Protein backbone atom coordinates (compact mmCIF):
# COMPACT_ATOMS: atom_id res chain seq x y z
CA MET A 1 -4.26 -12.67 -5.62
CA PRO A 2 -4.53 -13.09 -9.37
CA ARG A 3 -1.28 -13.13 -11.75
CA TYR A 4 -2.00 -10.41 -14.25
CA LYS A 5 -0.15 -10.27 -17.67
CA ILE A 6 1.20 -6.77 -18.93
CA CYS A 7 2.05 -6.61 -22.38
CA LEU A 8 5.36 -4.08 -23.39
CA ASP A 9 5.60 -2.60 -26.46
CA PRO A 10 9.04 -0.66 -26.90
CA GLY A 11 8.14 1.56 -30.10
CA HIS A 12 9.92 1.08 -33.24
CA GLY A 13 13.16 -1.43 -33.81
CA GLY A 14 15.53 -2.67 -36.18
CA THR A 15 14.92 -0.39 -39.42
CA GLU A 16 12.38 1.44 -37.87
CA PHE A 17 14.43 4.20 -36.10
CA GLY A 18 11.50 6.24 -34.77
CA ALA A 19 12.43 9.55 -34.00
CA VAL A 20 16.54 10.76 -34.02
CA GLY A 21 17.30 13.53 -32.22
CA SER A 22 19.48 16.56 -33.12
CA MET A 23 22.71 14.29 -31.18
CA GLY A 24 21.68 11.24 -33.08
CA THR A 25 20.03 9.43 -30.34
CA LYS A 26 17.66 6.64 -31.87
CA GLU A 27 14.01 6.72 -30.58
CA LYS A 28 13.98 2.68 -30.91
CA ASP A 29 16.50 2.60 -28.26
CA ILE A 30 15.46 4.43 -25.47
CA ASN A 31 12.37 2.58 -25.71
CA LEU A 32 13.61 -0.27 -25.30
CA VAL A 33 15.72 0.56 -22.44
CA VAL A 34 12.92 1.98 -20.60
CA ALA A 35 10.40 -0.87 -21.45
CA LYS A 36 13.25 -3.80 -20.20
CA THR A 37 13.34 -1.69 -17.08
CA VAL A 38 9.81 -1.42 -16.78
CA GLU A 39 9.60 -5.66 -17.49
CA GLY A 40 12.04 -5.95 -14.58
CA LEU A 41 10.23 -4.09 -12.25
CA LEU A 42 6.71 -5.52 -13.00
CA LYS A 43 8.24 -9.20 -12.68
CA GLN A 44 9.65 -8.01 -9.18
CA ALA A 45 6.18 -7.49 -8.50
CA ASN A 46 5.13 -10.57 -9.55
CA ILE A 47 3.30 -9.25 -12.65
CA ASP A 48 4.20 -11.62 -15.75
CA VAL A 49 5.19 -9.55 -18.76
CA LYS A 50 5.91 -10.41 -22.38
CA MET A 51 7.91 -7.86 -24.48
CA THR A 52 7.20 -7.23 -28.17
CA ARG A 53 10.59 -7.02 -28.60
CA THR A 54 13.59 -7.20 -26.66
CA THR A 55 16.29 -6.61 -29.23
CA ASP A 56 16.74 -4.32 -32.18
CA GLU A 57 14.81 -6.02 -34.43
CA THR A 58 11.85 -4.81 -36.69
CA VAL A 59 8.22 -5.73 -35.45
CA SER A 60 5.67 -5.04 -37.65
CA LEU A 61 2.58 -3.06 -35.72
CA GLU A 62 0.19 -6.18 -36.88
CA GLN A 63 3.05 -8.59 -35.05
CA ARG A 64 2.68 -5.98 -32.20
CA VAL A 65 -1.19 -6.24 -31.83
CA ASN A 66 -0.75 -9.98 -32.42
CA ILE A 67 1.54 -11.05 -29.59
CA ALA A 68 -0.86 -9.07 -27.43
CA ASN A 69 -3.47 -10.64 -28.68
CA THR A 70 -2.29 -14.14 -28.43
CA TYR A 71 -0.99 -13.53 -25.09
CA ASN A 72 -4.11 -12.58 -24.08
CA ALA A 73 -2.66 -9.54 -21.95
CA ASP A 74 -5.21 -7.54 -19.02
CA TYR A 75 -3.34 -4.12 -20.62
CA PHE A 76 -1.03 -3.37 -23.35
CA ILE A 77 1.63 -0.62 -22.70
CA SER A 78 3.62 1.13 -25.90
CA ILE A 79 6.42 3.18 -25.01
CA HIS A 80 7.75 6.09 -27.38
CA CYS A 81 9.32 9.46 -27.77
CA ASN A 82 7.59 12.28 -29.10
CA ALA A 83 9.05 14.51 -31.97
CA TYR A 84 7.75 17.57 -33.64
CA THR A 85 9.52 20.93 -33.43
CA SER A 86 13.08 21.80 -31.46
CA ASP A 87 10.68 24.00 -29.13
CA SER A 88 7.96 20.96 -28.13
CA HIS A 89 8.25 19.80 -24.84
CA GLY A 90 6.71 17.32 -22.27
CA THR A 91 4.86 14.02 -21.81
CA GLU A 92 1.77 12.93 -23.18
CA THR A 93 -0.09 9.80 -22.94
CA TYR A 94 -2.60 8.00 -25.00
CA CYS A 95 -5.79 5.73 -25.03
CA TYR A 96 -7.92 4.71 -27.87
CA LYS A 97 -11.43 6.02 -26.32
CA TYR A 98 -12.06 8.05 -23.43
CA GLY A 99 -14.24 6.25 -20.56
CA GLY A 100 -12.49 3.14 -20.31
CA LYS A 101 -9.99 1.17 -18.40
CA GLY A 102 -7.62 2.51 -21.10
CA GLU A 103 -8.57 5.80 -20.20
CA ILE A 104 -7.54 4.86 -16.37
CA LEU A 105 -4.32 3.74 -17.01
CA ALA A 106 -3.53 6.31 -18.97
CA LYS A 107 -4.27 8.64 -16.55
CA ALA A 108 -2.45 6.64 -14.38
CA ILE A 109 0.59 6.81 -16.33
CA GLN A 110 0.67 10.40 -17.08
CA GLU A 111 0.37 11.58 -13.77
CA ALA A 112 3.22 9.13 -12.32
CA LEU A 113 5.57 10.39 -15.49
CA ILE A 114 4.52 14.33 -14.90
CA SER A 115 5.27 13.66 -10.48
CA SER A 116 8.68 11.87 -11.45
CA ILE A 117 10.40 13.57 -14.41
CA LYS A 118 8.51 16.72 -13.93
CA LEU A 119 8.45 17.85 -17.57
CA ALA A 120 5.43 20.08 -18.96
CA ASP A 121 2.11 18.20 -18.71
CA ARG A 122 0.46 17.70 -22.31
CA GLY A 123 -2.06 15.52 -20.72
CA ILE A 124 -4.33 12.43 -21.74
CA LYS A 125 -5.64 12.44 -25.18
CA GLU A 126 -7.35 9.74 -27.46
CA GLY A 127 -5.59 8.60 -30.42
CA ASN A 128 -6.47 5.99 -32.96
CA TYR A 129 -3.22 4.23 -33.30
CA TYR A 130 -2.90 0.70 -35.27
CA VAL A 131 -1.88 -0.60 -31.42
CA LEU A 132 -4.60 1.04 -29.12
CA ARG A 133 -7.47 0.23 -31.79
CA LEU A 134 -6.56 -3.61 -32.75
CA THR A 135 -5.83 -4.97 -29.06
CA ASN A 136 -8.20 -6.77 -27.54
CA MET A 137 -7.10 -5.46 -24.09
CA PRO A 138 -7.34 -1.72 -22.50
CA ALA A 139 -4.27 -0.19 -24.21
CA VAL A 140 -1.78 2.85 -23.77
CA LEU A 141 0.97 4.67 -25.79
CA THR A 142 2.98 6.66 -23.89
CA GLU A 143 5.27 9.83 -25.18
CA LEU A 144 7.91 10.29 -22.62
CA ALA A 145 9.50 13.44 -23.86
CA PHE A 146 10.76 14.89 -26.99
CA LEU A 147 14.07 13.76 -29.00
CA SER A 148 13.19 17.03 -31.50
CA ASN A 149 13.85 19.03 -28.72
CA PRO A 150 17.72 19.05 -27.99
CA GLU A 151 17.20 19.79 -23.68
CA GLU A 152 14.85 17.00 -23.74
CA GLU A 153 17.14 14.33 -26.20
CA LYS A 154 19.68 15.13 -23.26
CA LEU A 155 17.59 14.06 -20.56
CA LEU A 156 16.29 10.93 -22.43
CA LEU A 157 20.04 9.78 -22.83
CA SER A 158 20.37 10.12 -19.07
CA PRO A 159 20.46 6.80 -17.43
CA GLU A 160 18.73 8.30 -14.36
CA PHE A 161 16.13 9.76 -16.50
CA GLN A 162 15.07 6.62 -18.22
CA ASN A 163 15.39 4.65 -14.73
CA LYS A 164 12.69 7.31 -13.43
CA CYS A 165 10.54 7.22 -16.43
CA ALA A 166 10.25 3.23 -16.37
CA GLU A 167 9.91 3.35 -12.26
CA ALA A 168 6.63 5.85 -13.03
CA ILE A 169 5.30 3.64 -15.56
CA ALA A 170 5.84 0.48 -13.54
CA ARG A 171 4.08 2.19 -10.31
CA ALA A 172 1.17 3.63 -12.53
CA ILE A 173 0.16 -0.34 -14.00
CA LYS A 174 0.74 -1.48 -10.37
CA LYS A 175 -1.65 0.76 -8.98
CA THR A 176 -4.20 0.53 -11.75
CA LEU A 177 -3.77 -3.21 -11.01
CA GLY A 178 -4.01 -2.40 -7.40
CA ILE A 179 -1.36 -4.22 -6.23
CA GLN A 180 0.89 -2.12 -3.54
CA SER A 181 3.28 -0.36 -4.79
CA ASN A 182 6.67 0.36 -2.30
CA GLU A 183 9.12 3.24 -2.51
CA PRO A 184 11.12 3.35 -6.23
CA VAL A 185 13.83 0.97 -5.60
CA ILE A 186 15.30 1.70 -8.99
CA ASP A 187 16.25 5.15 -7.23
CA GLU A 188 18.08 4.12 -4.53
CA ALA A 189 20.06 1.56 -6.91
CA TRP A 190 21.10 4.76 -8.86
CA GLN A 191 22.28 6.94 -5.92
CA TRP A 192 24.24 3.90 -4.71
CA ALA A 193 26.04 3.87 -8.40
CA LEU A 194 26.51 7.66 -8.22
CA GLU A 195 27.92 6.91 -4.80
CA MET A 196 30.40 4.42 -5.87
CA GLY A 197 31.31 6.53 -8.79
């Protein structure tokens, strides 16, 4: 079986906070936690992973694209939280253009997230984002939930919710790569932690 290479991009970081919720939650922090959990799950499946950042550092869009292209990744996945109004809600995933491998991965990620976290399905959309347009490989950008929505901000702060997002993304990536996906390990680990108090 070939070794697949995935580039994970935790959006924002450092001086770029991204969205900030009413409780002060910074998007950059949620993105990094979820991406690092996805990284761990993919490595368990013998998938090579490159992160555009592993700490709270400022990384330009150009640097993110260069990291992915230099790494020659098979797929690029950028992880974000959304923001608009306090009553905006749900999950959506972007690909650069419909009709290619990017759309296939975006659909898999969107379906897995909706199945797992059960927020409103805002669907798959085309997005002319820098990191989608200039990466050499199929690329997607997923918006987990709205930090501008107080209820969804509370969810995004929850380790259980973060783990569910990460497991769904990892499962979708493995499905797209044709790698057999086992039942989520992360949920069992979380259940054990709950039982242990």
